[in-house]
Amino acid sequence: MQTNSLWLGKMRQPVKMLAIASGCITGVIYLYLLSTHLWAEEGMGLYEMIRPEGRPIVPVTWVSVAFTLIMTSLYFSDTKGAIESVPDGFFDKLTLVTSRLTMIAIAIIVMVMFYEVVARYVFSAPTLWANEMSLWIAAFVFLFAGQYAMQQRSHIRIYVIYDMMPRWAQKTADVISVILIVFFAFALVWGGYNDAAARWARMEVFGTFWDPPIPGTLKASLLAIISLVAVQAVSNLFSDWNKAPEHLAHDDIDETEIENIRKTLEQ
């Protein structure tokens, strides 16, 4: 197991076991909540799951779910995709973890929407929470995707002029770009901190029947993740500083990606 480890090393197997164990515990809690919701008079549904007052099982459930997601993301971040770059440093590894969490979140959105479609069109019992939950999760997917794109150097870059520059001018352009990114993140945090803190303090809700605290959580998360994007940009600058220009000049044709697309089309 360790020979294929990207960065966890000896911790790969313990992390895997923790992910499986916490997943089993979360599954047991889910079955308990489902049974009480179906057969008990005071059962808990998703409406109660974001209102934990007087319900100690609710924070226990959220902690179990969060721990499962973190352990699973850690485990999957220990492998590199065929078209992914090798992580270099702490922040690259952190971004890999959040990228795996984002991939799991996309799968959760699909399951939520599938459940909604079946409930609405098969059983004529649409949910009151599926749309808001999908929006809530998708917002975090969008934000973390920006961090991952920065780490993979897959954001939009125009090389028409950059390729004609000498190496010292390319480095100067890279420094200016990173300074602008950091300044943007700083300005966003500086201007939005008070509003984000106020929304977080009162845990501002969405205004629907389910009424999740989307504004209260999303504004603070926006500032935090944008800051991570800026830090990742600085990390990229140091990591790429001594690389040869051809490593940065253009993307080579990725035969692995083309082959994967061809297989998908054939299927």
Protein backbone atom coordinates (compact mmCIF):
# COMPACT_ATOMS: atom_id res chain seq x y z
CA MET A 1 0.00 0.00 0.00
CA GLN A 2 2.81 2.45 0.87
CA THR A 3 4.63 1.96 -2.44
CA ASN A 4 1.79 3.74 -4.27
CA SER A 5 1.46 6.46 -1.63
CA LEU A 6 1.79 10.02 -2.88
CA TRP A 7 2.37 11.74 0.45
CA LEU A 8 0.73 9.88 3.35
CA GLY A 9 3.31 7.10 3.47
CA LYS A 10 2.82 4.90 6.55
CA MET A 11 -0.35 6.79 7.44
CA ARG A 12 -2.13 5.65 4.27
CA GLN A 13 -3.54 2.45 5.75
CA PRO A 14 -4.61 3.98 9.12
CA VAL A 15 -6.36 6.82 7.28
CA LYS A 16 -8.17 4.27 5.10
CA MET A 17 -9.30 2.32 8.16
CA LEU A 18 -10.49 5.49 9.89
CA ALA A 19 -12.46 6.47 6.77
CA ILE A 20 -14.14 3.06 6.65
CA ALA A 21 -14.86 2.98 10.39
CA SER A 22 -16.29 6.50 10.48
CA GLY A 23 -18.34 5.74 7.37
CA CYS A 24 -19.85 2.70 9.08
CA ILE A 25 -20.66 4.75 12.18
CA THR A 26 -22.27 7.43 10.02
CA GLY A 27 -24.30 4.74 8.25
CA VAL A 28 -25.56 3.36 11.56
CA ILE A 29 -26.57 6.84 12.72
CA TYR A 30 -28.34 7.43 9.42
CA LEU A 31 -30.32 4.20 9.74
CA TYR A 32 -31.30 5.19 13.28
CA LEU A 33 -32.46 8.63 12.16
CA LEU A 34 -34.33 7.13 9.22
CA SER A 35 -36.14 4.62 11.43
CA THR A 36 -37.17 7.28 13.94
CA HIS A 37 -38.33 9.55 11.12
CA LEU A 38 -40.50 6.83 9.61
CA TRP A 39 -41.96 5.21 12.69
CA ALA A 40 -41.48 7.45 15.74
CA GLU A 41 -43.81 10.33 16.51
CA GLU A 42 -40.92 12.71 17.19
CA GLY A 43 -38.67 11.59 14.38
CA MET A 44 -36.10 13.92 12.86
CA GLY A 45 -35.86 14.86 9.22
CA LEU A 46 -33.60 17.32 7.45
CA TYR A 47 -35.64 20.22 8.82
CA GLU A 48 -34.52 19.28 12.34
CA MET A 49 -30.95 18.47 11.23
CA ILE A 50 -30.09 22.16 10.90
CA ARG A 51 -31.84 23.02 14.19
CA PRO A 52 -29.88 21.06 16.83
CA GLU A 53 -31.33 22.72 19.94
CA GLY A 54 -32.34 20.00 22.38
CA ARG A 55 -31.29 17.25 19.98
CA PRO A 56 -27.80 15.97 20.91
CA ILE A 57 -27.91 13.40 18.12
CA VAL A 58 -27.75 16.21 15.55
CA PRO A 59 -24.23 17.53 16.38
CA VAL A 60 -23.06 13.93 16.78
CA THR A 61 -24.33 13.20 13.27
CA TRP A 62 -22.67 16.25 11.74
CA VAL A 63 -19.35 15.50 13.45
CA SER A 64 -19.49 11.91 12.19
CA VAL A 65 -20.30 13.02 8.65
CA ALA A 66 -17.54 15.67 8.68
CA PHE A 67 -14.94 13.23 10.01
CA THR A 68 -15.90 10.67 7.38
CA LEU A 69 -15.58 13.22 4.59
CA ILE A 70 -12.21 14.46 5.86
CA MET A 71 -10.73 10.98 6.22
CA THR A 72 -12.04 9.91 2.82
CA SER A 73 -10.66 13.06 1.20
CA LEU A 74 -7.28 12.49 2.84
CA TYR A 75 -7.17 8.93 1.57
CA PHE A 76 -8.14 9.79 -2.01
CA SER A 77 -5.71 12.73 -2.06
CA ASP A 78 -2.87 10.22 -1.66
CA THR A 79 -3.20 9.20 -5.31
CA LYS A 80 -2.52 11.29 -8.40
CA GLY A 81 -4.70 11.35 -11.48
CA ALA A 82 -3.20 10.71 -14.90
CA ILE A 83 -3.38 14.39 -15.89
CA GLU A 84 -2.65 15.89 -12.47
CA SER A 85 0.63 17.52 -11.52
CA VAL A 86 2.70 16.16 -8.65
CA PRO A 87 2.08 18.12 -5.41
CA ASP A 88 5.00 20.21 -4.25
CA GLY A 89 4.76 21.43 -0.66
CA PHE A 90 2.14 21.69 2.06
CA PHE A 91 -0.32 23.92 0.23
CA ASP A 92 -0.38 21.67 -2.85
CA LYS A 93 -1.29 18.74 -0.61
CA LEU A 94 -3.96 20.79 1.16
CA THR A 95 -5.47 21.69 -2.21
CA LEU A 96 -5.47 18.03 -3.23
CA VAL A 97 -7.45 17.20 -0.08
CA THR A 98 -10.03 19.92 -0.75
CA SER A 99 -10.24 18.82 -4.39
CA ARG A 100 -11.15 15.28 -3.32
CA LEU A 101 -13.72 16.72 -0.94
CA THR A 102 -15.14 18.67 -3.87
CA MET A 103 -15.37 15.51 -5.99
CA ILE A 104 -17.31 13.77 -3.20
CA ALA A 105 -19.57 16.84 -2.94
CA ILE A 106 -20.43 16.57 -6.64
CA ALA A 107 -21.46 12.95 -6.11
CA ILE A 108 -23.63 14.04 -3.17
CA ILE A 109 -25.36 16.65 -5.36
CA VAL A 110 -26.13 13.97 -7.93
CA MET A 111 -27.62 11.70 -5.25
CA VAL A 112 -29.71 14.54 -3.81
CA MET A 113 -31.12 15.46 -7.21
CA PHE A 114 -31.76 11.79 -8.05
CA TYR A 115 -33.66 11.41 -4.79
CA GLU A 116 -35.68 14.53 -5.58
CA VAL A 117 -36.60 13.32 -9.07
CA VAL A 118 -37.72 9.90 -7.79
CA ALA A 119 -39.64 11.41 -4.89
CA ARG A 120 -41.35 13.99 -7.10
CA TYR A 121 -42.23 11.98 -10.21
CA VAL A 122 -42.56 8.44 -8.87
CA PHE A 123 -44.10 8.99 -5.44
CA SER A 124 -45.56 12.49 -6.00
CA ALA A 125 -43.87 13.60 -2.77
CA PRO A 126 -41.33 16.33 -3.63
CA THR A 127 -38.90 17.41 -0.96
CA LEU A 128 -38.67 20.84 0.62
CA TRP A 129 -34.89 20.75 0.95
CA ALA A 130 -33.28 19.24 -2.17
CA ASN A 131 -32.98 22.48 -4.15
CA GLU A 132 -31.47 24.46 -1.27
CA MET A 133 -29.07 21.65 -0.35
CA SER A 134 -27.88 21.38 -3.96
CA LEU A 135 -27.30 25.15 -4.11
CA TRP A 136 -25.48 25.08 -0.77
CA ILE A 137 -23.11 22.29 -1.77
CA ALA A 138 -22.63 23.60 -5.32
CA ALA A 139 -21.46 26.96 -3.98
CA PHE A 140 -18.61 25.27 -2.11
CA VAL A 141 -17.81 23.13 -5.16
CA PHE A 142 -17.45 26.31 -7.24
CA LEU A 143 -15.15 27.95 -4.68
CA PHE A 144 -12.90 24.93 -4.11
CA ALA A 145 -12.71 24.35 -7.87
CA GLY A 146 -10.94 27.70 -8.17
CA GLN A 147 -8.37 26.64 -5.61
CA TYR A 148 -7.79 23.35 -7.44
CA ALA A 149 -7.48 25.09 -10.81
CA MET A 150 -4.84 27.39 -9.35
CA GLN A 151 -2.83 24.47 -7.94
CA GLN A 152 -2.99 22.58 -11.26
CA ARG A 153 -2.08 25.70 -13.28
CA SER A 154 -5.21 25.08 -15.34
CA HIS A 155 -6.61 28.60 -15.02
CA ILE A 156 -6.74 30.80 -18.11
CA ARG A 157 -3.34 32.10 -19.19
CA ILE A 158 -2.51 33.84 -22.46
CA TYR A 159 1.02 33.06 -23.70
CA VAL A 160 1.16 35.02 -26.99
CA ILE A 161 3.31 37.77 -25.45
CA TYR A 162 4.60 35.74 -22.48
CA ASP A 163 6.39 33.25 -24.77
CA MET A 164 8.33 36.03 -26.50
CA MET A 165 9.72 37.41 -23.23
CA PRO A 166 13.17 36.56 -21.86
CA ARG A 167 13.13 34.48 -18.68
CA TRP A 168 13.71 37.46 -16.37
CA ALA A 169 10.71 39.25 -17.92
CA GLN A 170 8.57 36.12 -17.55
CA LYS A 171 9.46 35.95 -13.85
CA THR A 172 8.62 39.64 -13.50
CA ALA A 173 5.22 39.03 -15.13
CA ASP A 174 4.62 36.09 -12.78
CA VAL A 175 5.43 38.25 -9.76
CA ILE A 176 3.08 41.00 -10.95
CA SER A 177 0.29 38.47 -11.54
CA VAL A 178 0.66 37.01 -8.05
CA ILE A 179 0.75 40.48 -6.48
CA LEU A 180 -2.53 41.32 -8.24
CA ILE A 181 -4.12 38.08 -7.03
CA VAL A 182 -2.98 38.70 -3.46
CA PHE A 183 -4.18 42.32 -3.61
CA PHE A 184 -7.59 41.19 -4.88
CA ALA A 185 -7.90 38.66 -2.05
CA PHE A 186 -6.79 41.25 0.51
CA ALA A 187 -9.28 43.83 -0.78
CA LEU A 188 -12.08 41.27 -0.76
CA VAL A 189 -11.34 40.23 2.83
CA TRP A 190 -10.85 43.83 3.95
CA GLY A 191 -14.13 44.98 2.43
CA GLY A 192 -16.22 41.92 3.23
CA TYR A 193 -15.01 40.84 6.67
CA ASN A 194 -17.47 42.85 8.76
CA ASP A 195 -20.45 41.75 6.68
CA ALA A 196 -19.29 38.12 6.73
CA ALA A 197 -18.74 38.23 10.49
CA ALA A 198 -22.20 39.70 11.05
CA ARG A 199 -23.86 37.09 8.85
CA TRP A 200 -21.92 34.32 10.59
CA ALA A 201 -22.75 35.64 14.08
CA ARG A 202 -26.49 35.59 13.43
CA MET A 203 -26.15 32.58 11.11
CA GLU A 204 -28.26 34.28 8.45
CA VAL A 205 -30.75 31.92 6.81
CA PHE A 206 -32.00 31.53 3.24
CA GLY A 207 -35.65 32.47 3.77
CA THR A 208 -37.28 29.24 2.57
CA PHE A 209 -39.25 26.58 4.43
CA TRP A 210 -36.15 24.51 5.14
CA ASP A 211 -34.31 27.79 5.78
CA PRO A 212 -30.67 26.67 5.73
CA PRO A 213 -27.98 29.18 6.80
CA ILE A 214 -26.57 29.52 3.29
CA PRO A 215 -25.77 33.27 3.51
CA GLY A 216 -24.36 32.88 7.01
CA THR A 217 -21.90 30.17 6.04
CA LEU A 218 -21.14 31.04 2.44
CA LYS A 219 -19.91 34.62 2.85
CA ALA A 220 -17.31 33.64 5.46
CA SER A 221 -16.30 30.60 3.40
CA LEU A 222 -15.89 32.80 0.32
CA LEU A 223 -13.33 34.98 2.09
CA ALA A 224 -11.48 31.97 3.53
CA ILE A 225 -11.25 30.08 0.24
CA ILE A 226 -10.26 33.15 -1.77
CA SER A 227 -7.44 33.60 0.74
CA LEU A 228 -6.40 29.98 0.10
CA VAL A 229 -6.38 30.68 -3.64
CA ALA A 230 -4.03 33.63 -3.05
CA VAL A 231 -1.76 31.52 -0.85
CA GLN A 232 -1.74 28.81 -3.51
CA ALA A 233 -0.74 31.39 -6.13
CA VAL A 234 2.22 32.44 -3.98
CA SER A 235 3.15 28.78 -3.48
CA ASN A 236 3.04 28.24 -7.25
CA LEU A 237 5.34 31.22 -7.79
CA PHE A 238 8.03 29.78 -5.52
CA SER A 239 7.58 26.27 -6.91
CA ASP A 240 7.88 27.38 -10.56
CA TRP A 241 10.61 29.96 -10.03
CA ASN A 242 13.52 27.77 -11.12
CA LYS A 243 11.68 25.70 -13.72
CA ALA A 244 12.77 25.90 -17.32
CA PRO A 245 10.58 28.12 -19.52
CA GLU A 246 9.30 25.16 -21.53
CA HIS A 247 7.61 23.85 -18.39
CA LEU A 248 5.49 26.97 -18.29
CA ALA A 249 5.27 28.08 -21.88
CA HIS A 250 2.44 25.90 -23.12
CA ASP A 251 0.51 22.75 -22.41
CA ASP A 252 1.73 19.74 -24.34
CA ILE A 253 -0.81 17.46 -25.95
CA ASP A 254 -1.80 14.95 -23.27
CA GLU A 255 -2.12 11.59 -24.98
CA THR A 256 -3.60 10.01 -21.83
CA GLU A 257 -6.42 12.53 -21.77
CA ILE A 258 -7.10 12.05 -25.48
CA GLU A 259 -7.22 8.28 -25.01
CA ASN A 260 -9.64 8.62 -22.09
CA ILE A 261 -11.92 10.84 -24.18
CA ARG A 262 -11.77 8.35 -27.06
CA LYS A 263 -12.76 5.45 -24.77
CA THR A 264 -15.64 7.49 -23.35
CA LEU A 265 -16.97 8.25 -26.83
CA GLU A 266 -16.69 4.60 -27.86
CA GLN A 267 -18.75 3.53 -24.87
